[in-house]
């Protein structure tokens, strides 16, 4: 008789059910990982995108413990505390060789099974080979859930070339915005201004390093060297386009809301050498750097955790993240 496990099955933002499915079987080159902690990402509640593949088990910010290693797996053993990256690159295509790992076709087509909101994960061979990182002894499982989102944030700032002393405008102060603020502060950025429509999140922005936090509706245009869009709202995008200084850069860190179209002032940006760019995901060295940042307490992730919930409470967790009111980081503990 097959052994069963519990999973959080996503149907839509208001319908996430605790269901049962078989514990995955692994082959000789795979791992079975017990999920200890799994963060709910803002992208998990991007319903217009997620619902296309529903029902499915989401979750890609996990930490856990190896409970079974295939006989041909040499680097990991039962009992190892690990973070597992869900998407992994090939490391040999032209994109990977040019440090554009997140454009790699392999990265976009790899994943573990069934998803992070499950009691156990099957880690495929390719992920075992290049997507498993042992957690340092001093790092908790909850801290491990920040490795992937912080790696994405680090890559975004690395790509846009954020320098010490530069002014930064972060539009949107959810978890990604707060990580950007905290990392920019740790990296020696100059004045950091945050915006949001939530007073709760504005207060959090100040807590994590913003010099000023302004309600998006009250924001008056001023110029910044670097602008990071952590929201896909059209008004915020328009504010970004108006606020970039000469020689500055705008980074679309969050995707735009569905069907959003904006007009870019091409001639003004051409004359003033303004860069408009995007940043998606994280590469291997970004993940390793994120681990180092957390271990060395350069980024304060623990204080960003507002809710720790059991798998049976996952529907409430999704509601918290989707409503974006008084929550920052919501973590699910599937095996409690």
C-alpha atoms as a PDB file:
ATOM      1  CA  UNK A   1       0.000   0.000   0.000  1.00  0.00           C
ATOM      2  CA  UNK A   2       1.364   3.410  -0.989  1.00  0.00           C
ATOM      3  CA  UNK A   3       2.282   5.744   1.819  1.00  0.00           C
ATOM      4  CA  UNK A   4       0.454   9.058   1.654  1.00  0.00           C
ATOM      5  CA  UNK A   5       1.443  12.623   2.456  1.00  0.00           C
ATOM      6  CA  UNK A   6      -0.463  15.863   2.834  1.00  0.00           C
ATOM      7  CA  UNK A   7      -0.144  18.706   0.331  1.00  0.00           C
ATOM      8  CA  UNK A   8      -1.615  22.168  -0.119  1.00  0.00           C
ATOM      9  CA  UNK A   9      -3.431  21.969  -3.466  1.00  0.00           C
ATOM     10  CA  UNK A  10      -3.958  25.331  -5.154  1.00  0.00           C
ATOM     11  CA  UNK A  11      -7.180  25.900  -7.126  1.00  0.00           C
ATOM     12  CA  UNK A  12      -7.288  29.692  -6.808  1.00  0.00           C
ATOM     13  CA  UNK A  13      -6.305  32.299  -4.220  1.00  0.00           C
ATOM     14  CA  UNK A  14      -9.451  31.636  -2.189  1.00  0.00           C
ATOM     15  CA  UNK A  15      -9.414  27.876  -2.608  1.00  0.00           C
ATOM     16  CA  UNK A  16      -6.289  26.114  -1.346  1.00  0.00           C
ATOM     17  CA  UNK A  17      -7.121  22.677   0.005  1.00  0.00           C
ATOM     18  CA  UNK A  18      -5.239  20.197   2.152  1.00  0.00           C
ATOM     19  CA  UNK A  19      -5.280  16.973   0.163  1.00  0.00           C
ATOM     20  CA  UNK A  20      -3.453  13.656   0.147  1.00  0.00           C
ATOM     21  CA  UNK A  21      -1.215  12.192  -2.518  1.00  0.00           C
ATOM     22  CA  UNK A  22       1.389   9.403  -2.574  1.00  0.00           C
ATOM     23  CA  UNK A  23       4.811  10.158  -1.140  1.00  0.00           C
ATOM     24  CA  UNK A  24       7.039  10.422  -4.240  1.00  0.00           C
ATOM     25  CA  UNK A  25       9.269   7.487  -5.112  1.00  0.00           C
ATOM     26  CA  UNK A  26      12.866   8.278  -6.033  1.00  0.00           C
ATOM     27  CA  UNK A  27      15.385   6.584  -8.301  1.00  0.00           C
ATOM     28  CA  UNK A  28      19.064   5.912  -7.599  1.00  0.00           C
ATOM     29  CA  UNK A  29      20.128   9.455  -8.525  1.00  0.00           C
ATOM     30  CA  UNK A  30      17.441  11.420  -6.703  1.00  0.00           C
ATOM     31  CA  UNK A  31      16.663  12.668  -3.198  1.00  0.00           C
ATOM     32  CA  UNK A  32      13.566  12.572  -1.040  1.00  0.00           C
ATOM     33  CA  UNK A  33      13.425  15.677   1.137  1.00  0.00           C
ATOM     34  CA  UNK A  34      11.149  16.255   4.098  1.00  0.00           C
ATOM     35  CA  UNK A  35       9.935  19.858   3.857  1.00  0.00           C
ATOM     36  CA  UNK A  36      10.381  21.628   7.177  1.00  0.00           C
ATOM     37  CA  UNK A  37       9.600  25.201   6.098  1.00  0.00           C
ATOM     38  CA  UNK A  38       8.106  26.661   2.923  1.00  0.00           C
ATOM     39  CA  UNK A  39       7.553  30.368   2.281  1.00  0.00           C
ATOM     40  CA  UNK A  40       4.561  31.768   0.417  1.00  0.00           C
ATOM     41  CA  UNK A  41       5.876  34.018  -2.372  1.00  0.00           C
ATOM     42  CA  UNK A  42       3.999  36.975  -3.797  1.00  0.00           C
ATOM     43  CA  UNK A  43       4.106  35.195  -7.134  1.00  0.00           C
ATOM     44  CA  UNK A  44       2.173  32.284  -5.593  1.00  0.00           C
ATOM     45  CA  UNK A  45      -0.874  34.556  -5.296  1.00  0.00           C
ATOM     46  CA  UNK A  46      -0.511  36.024  -8.801  1.00  0.00           C
ATOM     47  CA  UNK A  47      -3.799  34.359  -9.618  1.00  0.00           C
ATOM     48  CA  UNK A  48      -4.135  35.265 -13.311  1.00  0.00           C
ATOM     49  CA  UNK A  49      -0.847  33.443 -13.888  1.00  0.00           C
ATOM     50  CA  UNK A  50      -1.182  30.526 -11.478  1.00  0.00           C
ATOM     51  CA  UNK A  51      -4.758  29.575 -12.240  1.00  0.00           C
ATOM     52  CA  UNK A  52      -3.807  28.502 -15.780  1.00  0.00           C
ATOM     53  CA  UNK A  53      -2.139  25.376 -14.378  1.00  0.00           C
ATOM     54  CA  UNK A  54      -4.441  24.761 -11.404  1.00  0.00           C
ATOM     55  CA  UNK A  55      -4.938  22.519  -9.575  1.00  0.00           C
ATOM     56  CA  UNK A  56      -1.304  22.182  -8.544  1.00  0.00           C
ATOM     57  CA  UNK A  57       0.995  22.202  -5.539  1.00  0.00           C
ATOM     58  CA  UNK A  58       2.876  25.497  -5.404  1.00  0.00           C
ATOM     59  CA  UNK A  59       5.815  26.507  -3.205  1.00  0.00           C
ATOM     60  CA  UNK A  60       9.419  27.166  -4.236  1.00  0.00           C
ATOM     61  CA  UNK A  61      11.038  28.680  -1.134  1.00  0.00           C
ATOM     62  CA  UNK A  62      11.818  25.580   0.882  1.00  0.00           C
ATOM     63  CA  UNK A  63      14.221  24.180   3.393  1.00  0.00           C
ATOM     64  CA  UNK A  64      14.176  20.672   4.731  1.00  0.00           C
ATOM     65  CA  UNK A  65      15.931  17.463   5.605  1.00  0.00           C
ATOM     66  CA  UNK A  66      17.088  14.626   3.373  1.00  0.00           C
ATOM     67  CA  UNK A  67      15.195  11.486   4.407  1.00  0.00           C
ATOM     68  CA  UNK A  68      16.357   9.244   1.585  1.00  0.00           C
ATOM     69  CA  UNK A  69      19.220   9.431  -0.912  1.00  0.00           C
ATOM     70  CA  UNK A  70      19.468   7.282  -4.023  1.00  0.00           C
ATOM     71  CA  UNK A  71      22.351   4.793  -3.963  1.00  0.00           C
ATOM     72  CA  UNK A  72      24.248   6.735  -6.632  1.00  0.00           C
ATOM     73  CA  UNK A  73      23.973  10.070  -4.805  1.00  0.00           C
ATOM     74  CA  UNK A  74      27.326  10.783  -3.183  1.00  0.00           C
ATOM     75  CA  UNK A  75      27.219  14.388  -1.967  1.00  0.00           C
ATOM     76  CA  UNK A  76      24.134  14.161   0.238  1.00  0.00           C
ATOM     77  CA  UNK A  77      22.965  11.709   2.847  1.00  0.00           C
ATOM     78  CA  UNK A  78      20.027  11.080   5.150  1.00  0.00           C
ATOM     79  CA  UNK A  79      19.839  13.788   7.814  1.00  0.00           C
ATOM     80  CA  UNK A  80      21.431  16.591   5.783  1.00  0.00           C
ATOM     81  CA  UNK A  81      19.740  19.962   6.289  1.00  0.00           C
ATOM     82  CA  UNK A  82      19.251  21.521   2.850  1.00  0.00           C
ATOM     83  CA  UNK A  83      17.813  24.262   0.703  1.00  0.00           C
ATOM     84  CA  UNK A  84      16.675  23.031  -2.717  1.00  0.00           C
ATOM     85  CA  UNK A  85      16.403  25.305  -5.740  1.00  0.00           C
ATOM     86  CA  UNK A  86      13.334  24.502  -7.811  1.00  0.00           C
ATOM     87  CA  UNK A  87      14.678  25.817 -11.150  1.00  0.00           C
ATOM     88  CA  UNK A  88      18.225  24.977 -12.213  1.00  0.00           C
ATOM     89  CA  UNK A  89      20.211  26.031 -15.322  1.00  0.00           C
ATOM     90  CA  UNK A  90      22.154  23.861 -17.741  1.00  0.00           C
ATOM     91  CA  UNK A  91      25.366  25.885 -17.141  1.00  0.00           C
ATOM     92  CA  UNK A  92      26.538  25.274 -20.719  1.00  0.00           C
ATOM     93  CA  UNK A  93      24.250  27.282 -23.060  1.00  0.00           C
ATOM     94  CA  UNK A  94      25.146  30.742 -24.343  1.00  0.00           C
ATOM     95  CA  UNK A  95      22.924  32.369 -21.719  1.00  0.00           C
ATOM     96  CA  UNK A  96      24.513  30.541 -18.793  1.00  0.00           C
ATOM     97  CA  UNK A  97      28.024  31.219 -20.128  1.00  0.00           C
ATOM     98  CA  UNK A  98      27.124  34.928 -20.279  1.00  0.00           C
ATOM     99  CA  UNK A  99      25.828  34.995 -16.661  1.00  0.00           C
ATOM    100  CA  UNK A 100      22.220  35.053 -17.872  1.00  0.00           C
ATOM    101  CA  UNK A 101      21.247  31.814 -16.187  1.00  0.00           C
ATOM    102  CA  UNK A 102      17.618  32.800 -15.706  1.00  0.00           C
ATOM    103  CA  UNK A 103      17.142  33.013 -19.489  1.00  0.00           C
ATOM    104  CA  UNK A 104      18.271  29.380 -19.830  1.00  0.00           C
ATOM    105  CA  UNK A 105      15.686  27.015 -21.307  1.00  0.00           C
ATOM    106  CA  UNK A 106      16.635  24.313 -18.808  1.00  0.00           C
ATOM    107  CA  UNK A 107      16.006  26.653 -15.884  1.00  0.00           C
ATOM    108  CA  UNK A 108      12.504  27.350 -17.172  1.00  0.00           C
ATOM    109  CA  UNK A 109      11.664  23.668 -17.582  1.00  0.00           C
ATOM    110  CA  UNK A 110      13.063  22.124 -14.372  1.00  0.00           C
ATOM    111  CA  UNK A 111      11.350  21.752 -11.008  1.00  0.00           C
ATOM    112  CA  UNK A 112      11.042  19.457  -8.034  1.00  0.00           C
ATOM    113  CA  UNK A 113       7.905  17.405  -7.383  1.00  0.00           C
ATOM    114  CA  UNK A 114       5.186  18.090  -6.399  1.00  0.00           C
ATOM    115  CA  UNK A 115       5.932  21.542  -4.925  1.00  0.00           C
ATOM    116  CA  UNK A 116       7.019  23.161  -1.693  1.00  0.00           C
ATOM    117  CA  UNK A 117       3.634  23.012   0.038  1.00  0.00           C
ATOM    118  CA  UNK A 118       3.967  19.282   0.577  1.00  0.00           C
ATOM    119  CA  UNK A 119       5.349  17.133   3.361  1.00  0.00           C
ATOM    120  CA  UNK A 120       7.914  15.539   1.035  1.00  0.00           C
ATOM    121  CA  UNK A 121       9.651  16.444  -2.236  1.00  0.00           C
ATOM    122  CA  UNK A 122      11.274  14.361  -4.940  1.00  0.00           C
ATOM    123  CA  UNK A 123      14.423  16.147  -6.097  1.00  0.00           C
ATOM    124  CA  UNK A 124      15.295  15.143  -9.691  1.00  0.00           C
ATOM    125  CA  UNK A 125      18.849  14.239 -10.684  1.00  0.00           C
ATOM    126  CA  UNK A 126      19.594  17.580 -12.361  1.00  0.00           C
ATOM    127  CA  UNK A 127      18.470  19.470  -9.240  1.00  0.00           C
ATOM    128  CA  UNK A 128      20.558  17.151  -7.070  1.00  0.00           C
ATOM    129  CA  UNK A 129      23.537  17.924  -9.279  1.00  0.00           C
ATOM    130  CA  UNK A 130      23.290  21.731  -9.185  1.00  0.00           C
ATOM    131  CA  UNK A 131      20.402  22.875  -7.024  1.00  0.00           C
ATOM    132  CA  UNK A 132      20.913  21.491  -3.523  1.00  0.00           C
ATOM    133  CA  UNK A 133      22.732  23.559  -0.903  1.00  0.00           C
ATOM    134  CA  UNK A 134      23.541  22.353   2.598  1.00  0.00           C
ATOM    135  CA  UNK A 135      22.319  24.779   5.235  1.00  0.00           C
ATOM    136  CA  UNK A 136      25.059  26.161   7.473  1.00  0.00           C
ATOM    137  CA  UNK A 137      24.728  24.985  11.072  1.00  0.00           C
ATOM    138  CA  UNK A 138      23.875  28.495  12.232  1.00  0.00           C
ATOM    139  CA  UNK A 139      21.006  28.897   9.744  1.00  0.00           C
ATOM    140  CA  UNK A 140      17.507  27.906  10.817  1.00  0.00           C
ATOM    141  CA  UNK A 141      15.033  26.219   8.497  1.00  0.00           C
ATOM    142  CA  UNK A 142      12.887  29.367   8.556  1.00  0.00           C
ATOM    143  CA  UNK A 143      15.874  31.459   7.496  1.00  0.00           C
ATOM    144  CA  UNK A 144      16.469  28.948   4.719  1.00  0.00           C
ATOM    145  CA  UNK A 145      13.172  29.912   3.089  1.00  0.00           C
ATOM    146  CA  UNK A 146      14.665  33.339   2.355  1.00  0.00           C
ATOM    147  CA  UNK A 147      17.553  32.001   0.270  1.00  0.00           C
ATOM    148  CA  UNK A 148      15.641  31.993  -3.017  1.00  0.00           C
ATOM    149  CA  UNK A 149      13.883  35.379  -2.672  1.00  0.00           C
ATOM    150  CA  UNK A 150      17.013  37.093  -1.367  1.00  0.00           C
ATOM    151  CA  UNK A 151      19.052  35.600  -4.207  1.00  0.00           C
ATOM    152  CA  UNK A 152      16.580  37.116  -6.684  1.00  0.00           C
ATOM    153  CA  UNK A 153      16.926  40.490  -4.956  1.00  0.00           C
ATOM    154  CA  UNK A 154      20.725  40.286  -4.910  1.00  0.00           C
ATOM    155  CA  UNK A 155      20.785  39.429  -8.600  1.00  0.00           C
ATOM    156  CA  UNK A 156      18.521  42.383  -9.370  1.00  0.00           C
ATOM    157  CA  UNK A 157      20.804  44.838  -7.590  1.00  0.00           C
ATOM    158  CA  UNK A 158      23.897  43.226  -9.055  1.00  0.00           C
ATOM    159  CA  UNK A 159      22.516  43.479 -12.575  1.00  0.00           C
ATOM    160  CA  UNK A 160      21.574  47.127 -12.253  1.00  0.00           C
ATOM    161  CA  UNK A 161      24.980  47.966 -10.790  1.00  0.00           C
ATOM    162  CA  UNK A 162      23.820  49.605  -7.567  1.00  0.00           C
ATOM    163  CA  UNK A 163      26.764  51.554  -6.147  1.00  0.00           C
ATOM    164  CA  UNK A 164      27.556  52.953  -2.734  1.00  0.00           C
ATOM    165  CA  UNK A 165      26.055  56.374  -2.175  1.00  0.00           C
ATOM    166  CA  UNK A 166      23.463  56.132  -4.956  1.00  0.00           C
ATOM    167  CA  UNK A 167      19.891  57.154  -4.207  1.00  0.00           C
ATOM    168  CA  UNK A 168      17.289  54.413  -4.455  1.00  0.00           C
ATOM    169  CA  UNK A 169      13.519  54.482  -4.885  1.00  0.00           C
ATOM    170  CA  UNK A 170      11.725  51.217  -4.091  1.00  0.00           C
ATOM    171  CA  UNK A 171       8.131  51.179  -5.310  1.00  0.00           C
ATOM    172  CA  UNK A 172       6.175  48.544  -3.406  1.00  0.00           C
ATOM    173  CA  UNK A 173       7.117  47.525   0.131  1.00  0.00           C
ATOM    174  CA  UNK A 174       6.021  43.927   0.285  1.00  0.00           C
ATOM    175  CA  UNK A 175       8.561  41.222   1.070  1.00  0.00           C
ATOM    176  CA  UNK A 176      10.617  41.775  -2.105  1.00  0.00           C
ATOM    177  CA  UNK A 177      10.627  45.527  -1.566  1.00  0.00           C
ATOM    178  CA  UNK A 178      11.734  45.113   2.039  1.00  0.00           C
ATOM    179  CA  UNK A 179      14.519  42.753   1.024  1.00  0.00           C
ATOM    180  CA  UNK A 180      15.651  45.280  -1.583  1.00  0.00           C
ATOM    181  CA  UNK A 181      15.617  48.058   1.019  1.00  0.00           C
ATOM    182  CA  UNK A 182      17.516  46.026   3.582  1.00  0.00           C
ATOM    183  CA  UNK A 183      20.117  44.812   1.081  1.00  0.00           C
ATOM    184  CA  UNK A 184      20.600  48.280  -0.430  1.00  0.00           C
ATOM    185  CA  UNK A 185      21.152  49.649   3.079  1.00  0.00           C
ATOM    186  CA  UNK A 186      23.675  46.914   3.843  1.00  0.00           C
ATOM    187  CA  UNK A 187      25.436  47.616   0.543  1.00  0.00           C
ATOM    188  CA  UNK A 188      25.985  51.282   1.358  1.00  0.00           C
ATOM    189  CA  UNK A 189      23.345  52.921  -0.809  1.00  0.00           C
ATOM    190  CA  UNK A 190      22.648  56.585  -0.180  1.00  0.00           C
ATOM    191  CA  UNK A 191      19.142  57.872   0.462  1.00  0.00           C
ATOM    192  CA  UNK A 192      16.516  55.120   0.227  1.00  0.00           C
ATOM    193  CA  UNK A 193      12.872  56.037  -0.285  1.00  0.00           C
ATOM    194  CA  UNK A 194      10.044  53.499  -0.233  1.00  0.00           C
ATOM    195  CA  UNK A 195       6.442  53.754  -1.366  1.00  0.00           C
ATOM    196  CA  UNK A 196       3.331  51.657  -0.828  1.00  0.00           C
ATOM    197  CA  UNK A 197      -0.399  52.100  -0.343  1.00  0.00           C
ATOM    198  CA  UNK A 198      -0.301  50.259   3.002  1.00  0.00           C
ATOM    199  CA  UNK A 199       0.624  52.160   6.159  1.00  0.00           C
ATOM    200  CA  UNK A 200       1.654  48.869   7.761  1.00  0.00           C
ATOM    201  CA  UNK A 201       4.163  48.199   4.998  1.00  0.00           C
ATOM    202  CA  UNK A 202       5.437  51.775   5.057  1.00  0.00           C
ATOM    203  CA  UNK A 203       6.269  51.336   8.727  1.00  0.00           C
ATOM    204  CA  UNK A 204       8.058  48.082   7.883  1.00  0.00           C
ATOM    205  CA  UNK A 205      10.038  49.879   5.173  1.00  0.00           C
ATOM    206  CA  UNK A 206      11.347  52.322   7.768  1.00  0.00           C
ATOM    207  CA  UNK A 207      12.140  49.429  10.112  1.00  0.00           C
ATOM    208  CA  UNK A 208      14.263  47.713   7.474  1.00  0.00           C
ATOM    209  CA  UNK A 209      16.287  50.690   6.341  1.00  0.00           C
ATOM    210  CA  UNK A 210      14.301  53.206   4.301  1.00  0.00           C
ATOM    211  CA  UNK A 211      15.118  56.814   5.087  1.00  0.00           C
ATOM    212  CA  UNK A 212      11.638  57.863   4.059  1.00  0.00           C
ATOM    213  CA  UNK A 213       8.413  55.950   3.425  1.00  0.00           C
ATOM    214  CA  UNK A 214       5.673  57.647   1.422  1.00  0.00           C
ATOM    215  CA  UNK A 215       2.135  56.622   0.588  1.00  0.00           C
ATOM    216  CA  UNK A 216       2.039  56.049  -3.153  1.00  0.00           C
ATOM    217  CA  UNK A 217      -0.889  58.460  -3.482  1.00  0.00           C
ATOM    218  CA  UNK A 218       1.121  61.243  -1.827  1.00  0.00           C
ATOM    219  CA  UNK A 219       4.376  60.669  -3.695  1.00  0.00           C
ATOM    220  CA  UNK A 220       5.727  63.800  -5.400  1.00  0.00           C
ATOM    221  CA  UNK A 221       8.130  63.133  -8.238  1.00  0.00           C
ATOM    222  CA  UNK A 222      11.830  63.552  -7.488  1.00  0.00           C
ATOM    223  CA  UNK A 223      14.899  62.093  -9.128  1.00  0.00           C
ATOM    224  CA  UNK A 224      16.719  58.902  -8.108  1.00  0.00           C
ATOM    225  CA  UNK A 225      19.758  57.082  -9.437  1.00  0.00           C
ATOM    226  CA  UNK A 226      18.211  53.633  -9.180  1.00  0.00           C
ATOM    227  CA  UNK A 227      14.526  52.727  -9.169  1.00  0.00           C
ATOM    228  CA  UNK A 228      13.275  49.244  -8.319  1.00  0.00           C
ATOM    229  CA  UNK A 229       9.687  48.307  -9.155  1.00  0.00           C
ATOM    230  CA  UNK A 230       8.413  45.712  -6.691  1.00  0.00           C
ATOM    231  CA  UNK A 231       4.821  46.165  -7.801  1.00  0.00           C
ATOM    232  CA  UNK A 232       3.139  45.743 -11.158  1.00  0.00           C
ATOM    233  CA  UNK A 233       0.616  48.536 -10.638  1.00  0.00           C
ATOM    234  CA  UNK A 234       0.458  50.942 -13.572  1.00  0.00           C
ATOM    235  CA  UNK A 235       0.532  54.120 -11.415  1.00  0.00           C
ATOM    236  CA  UNK A 236       3.771  52.914  -9.798  1.00  0.00           C
ATOM    237  CA  UNK A 237       5.316  52.196 -13.205  1.00  0.00           C
ATOM    238  CA  UNK A 238       4.427  55.694 -14.354  1.00  0.00           C
ATOM    239  CA  UNK A 239       5.981  57.162 -11.192  1.00  0.00           C
ATOM    240  CA  UNK A 240       9.150  55.211 -11.913  1.00  0.00           C
ATOM    241  CA  UNK A 241       9.373  56.533 -15.470  1.00  0.00           C
ATOM    242  CA  UNK A 242       9.048  60.094 -14.184  1.00  0.00           C
ATOM    243  CA  UNK A 243      11.500  59.702 -11.294  1.00  0.00           C
ATOM    244  CA  UNK A 244      14.628  58.272 -12.882  1.00  0.00           C
ATOM    245  CA  UNK A 245      17.598  60.653 -12.941  1.00  0.00           C
ATOM    246  CA  UNK A 246      19.947  61.188 -15.865  1.00  0.00           C
ATOM    247  CA  UNK A 247      22.199  58.169 -16.268  1.00  0.00           C
ATOM    248  CA  UNK A 248      19.948  56.215 -13.932  1.00  0.00           C
ATOM    249  CA  UNK A 249      18.198  52.881 -14.208  1.00  0.00           C
ATOM    250  CA  UNK A 250      14.715  51.486 -13.728  1.00  0.00           C
ATOM    251  CA  UNK A 251      14.391  47.803 -12.923  1.00  0.00           C
ATOM    252  CA  UNK A 252      11.155  45.866 -13.340  1.00  0.00           C
ATOM    253  CA  UNK A 253      11.683  43.397 -10.510  1.00  0.00           C
ATOM    254  CA  UNK A 254       8.001  42.462 -10.326  1.00  0.00           C
ATOM    255  CA  UNK A 255       6.005  41.613 -13.433  1.00  0.00           C
ATOM    256  CA  UNK A 256       3.363  44.113 -14.481  1.00  0.00           C
ATOM    257  CA  UNK A 257      -0.248  43.413 -13.726  1.00  0.00           C
ATOM    258  CA  UNK A 258      -2.008  41.533 -16.503  1.00  0.00           C
ATOM    259  CA  UNK A 259      -2.675  43.618 -19.636  1.00  0.00           C
ATOM    260  CA  UNK A 260      -0.750  46.657 -18.337  1.00  0.00           C
ATOM    261  CA  UNK A 261       0.703  48.775 -21.122  1.00  0.00           C
ATOM    262  CA  UNK A 262       2.882  51.851 -20.544  1.00  0.00           C
ATOM    263  CA  UNK A 263       4.440  54.474 -22.770  1.00  0.00           C
ATOM    264  CA  UNK A 264       8.195  54.941 -22.428  1.00  0.00           C
ATOM    265  CA  UNK A 265       9.544  58.422 -23.247  1.00  0.00           C
ATOM    266  CA  UNK A 266      12.146  57.023 -25.624  1.00  0.00           C
ATOM    267  CA  UNK A 267      13.708  60.313 -26.715  1.00  0.00           C
ATOM    268  CA  UNK A 268      14.092  61.617 -23.158  1.00  0.00           C
ATOM    269  CA  UNK A 269      15.639  58.347 -22.021  1.00  0.00           C
ATOM    270  CA  UNK A 270      17.886  58.250 -25.101  1.00  0.00           C
ATOM    271  CA  UNK A 271      19.171  61.755 -24.502  1.00  0.00           C
ATOM    272  CA  UNK A 272      19.759  61.150 -20.790  1.00  0.00           C
ATOM    273  CA  UNK A 273      21.111  57.598 -21.094  1.00  0.00           C
ATOM    274  CA  UNK A 274      18.472  56.039 -18.895  1.00  0.00           C
ATOM    275  CA  UNK A 275      18.465  52.251 -18.639  1.00  0.00           C
ATOM    276  CA  UNK A 276      15.206  50.277 -18.440  1.00  0.00           C
ATOM    277  CA  UNK A 277      15.747  46.669 -17.447  1.00  0.00           C
ATOM    278  CA  UNK A 278      14.214  43.577 -15.918  1.00  0.00           C
ATOM    279  CA  UNK A 279      15.374  40.971 -13.447  1.00  0.00           C
ATOM    280  CA  UNK A 280      13.918  37.494 -13.128  1.00  0.00           C
ATOM    281  CA  UNK A 281      14.950  34.709 -10.785  1.00  0.00           C
ATOM    282  CA  UNK A 282      18.413  33.853  -9.507  1.00  0.00           C
ATOM    283  CA  UNK A 283      21.505  32.024 -10.715  1.00  0.00           C
ATOM    284  CA  UNK A 284      23.808  29.674  -8.772  1.00  0.00           C
ATOM    285  CA  UNK A 285      26.199  32.338  -7.508  1.00  0.00           C
ATOM    286  CA  UNK A 286      23.268  34.516  -6.415  1.00  0.00           C
ATOM    287  CA  UNK A 287      21.935  31.664  -4.289  1.00  0.00           C
ATOM    288  CA  UNK A 288      25.322  31.121  -2.666  1.00  0.00           C
ATOM    289  CA  UNK A 289      25.676  34.842  -1.980  1.00  0.00           C
ATOM    290  CA  UNK A 290      22.211  34.895  -0.400  1.00  0.00           C
ATOM    291  CA  UNK A 291      23.262  32.119   1.966  1.00  0.00           C
ATOM    292  CA  UNK A 292      26.337  34.131   2.938  1.00  0.00           C
ATOM    293  CA  UNK A 293      24.285  37.308   3.462  1.00  0.00           C
ATOM    294  CA  UNK A 294      21.880  35.507   5.779  1.00  0.00           C
ATOM    295  CA  UNK A 295      24.554  33.632   7.743  1.00  0.00           C
ATOM    296  CA  UNK A 296      26.564  36.812   8.276  1.00  0.00           C
ATOM    297  CA  UNK A 297      23.421  38.719   9.348  1.00  0.00           C
ATOM    298  CA  UNK A 298      23.915  41.281   6.592  1.00  0.00           C
ATOM    299  CA  UNK A 299      20.213  41.097   5.815  1.00  0.00           C
ATOM    300  CA  UNK A 300      17.718  40.887   8.666  1.00  0.00           C
ATOM    301  CA  UNK A 301      15.366  38.150   7.480  1.00  0.00           C
ATOM    302  CA  UNK A 302      14.139  36.869  10.861  1.00  0.00           C
ATOM    303  CA  UNK A 303      12.295  40.061  11.706  1.00  0.00           C
ATOM    304  CA  UNK A 304      10.455  39.859   8.371  1.00  0.00           C
ATOM    305  CA  UNK A 305       8.647  36.681   9.454  1.00  0.00           C
ATOM    306  CA  UNK A 306       5.151  37.624  10.604  1.00  0.00           C
ATOM    307  CA  UNK A 307       3.329  34.293  10.431  1.00  0.00           C
ATOM    308  CA  UNK A 308       4.292  30.636  10.912  1.00  0.00           C
ATOM    309  CA  UNK A 309       1.448  28.285  10.022  1.00  0.00           C
ATOM    310  CA  UNK A 310       0.752  24.564   9.814  1.00  0.00           C
ATOM    311  CA  UNK A 311      -0.201  23.004   6.477  1.00  0.00           C
ATOM    312  CA  UNK A 312      -3.798  22.800   7.687  1.00  0.00           C
ATOM    313  CA  UNK A 313      -3.746  26.610   7.842  1.00  0.00           C
ATOM    314  CA  UNK A 314      -2.431  27.132   4.301  1.00  0.00           C
ATOM    315  CA  UNK A 315      -5.693  28.665   3.058  1.00  0.00           C
ATOM    316  CA  UNK A 316      -5.375  31.335   5.732  1.00  0.00           C
ATOM    317  CA  UNK A 317      -1.750  31.855   4.700  1.00  0.00           C
ATOM    318  CA  UNK A 318      -2.680  32.431   1.079  1.00  0.00           C
ATOM    319  CA  UNK A 319      -5.391  34.856   2.176  1.00  0.00           C
ATOM    320  CA  UNK A 320      -2.862  36.826   4.226  1.00  0.00           C
ATOM    321  CA  UNK A 321      -0.445  37.124   1.304  1.00  0.00           C
ATOM    322  CA  UNK A 322      -3.138  37.842  -1.292  1.00  0.00           C
ATOM    323  CA  UNK A 323      -4.775  40.568   0.781  1.00  0.00           C
ATOM    324  CA  UNK A 324      -1.371  42.148   1.520  1.00  0.00           C
ATOM    325  CA  UNK A 325      -2.555  43.885   4.659  1.00  0.00           C
ATOM    326  CA  UNK A 326      -0.745  43.094   7.910  1.00  0.00           C
ATOM    327  CA  UNK A 327       1.692  40.387   6.915  1.00  0.00           C
ATOM    328  CA  UNK A 328       5.193  40.314   5.483  1.00  0.00           C
ATOM    329  CA  UNK A 329       6.603  36.788   5.329  1.00  0.00           C
ATOM    330  CA  UNK A 330       4.231  33.873   5.798  1.00  0.00           C
ATOM    331  CA  UNK A 331       5.896  30.485   6.289  1.00  0.00           C
ATOM    332  CA  UNK A 332       4.182  27.106   6.151  1.00  0.00           C
ATOM    333  CA  UNK A 333       5.495  24.193   8.242  1.00  0.00           C
ATOM    334  CA  UNK A 334       4.099  21.128   6.411  1.00  0.00           C
ATOM    335  CA  UNK A 335       5.190  18.531   8.935  1.00  0.00           C
ATOM    336  CA  UNK A 336       3.999  20.122  12.157  1.00  0.00           C
END
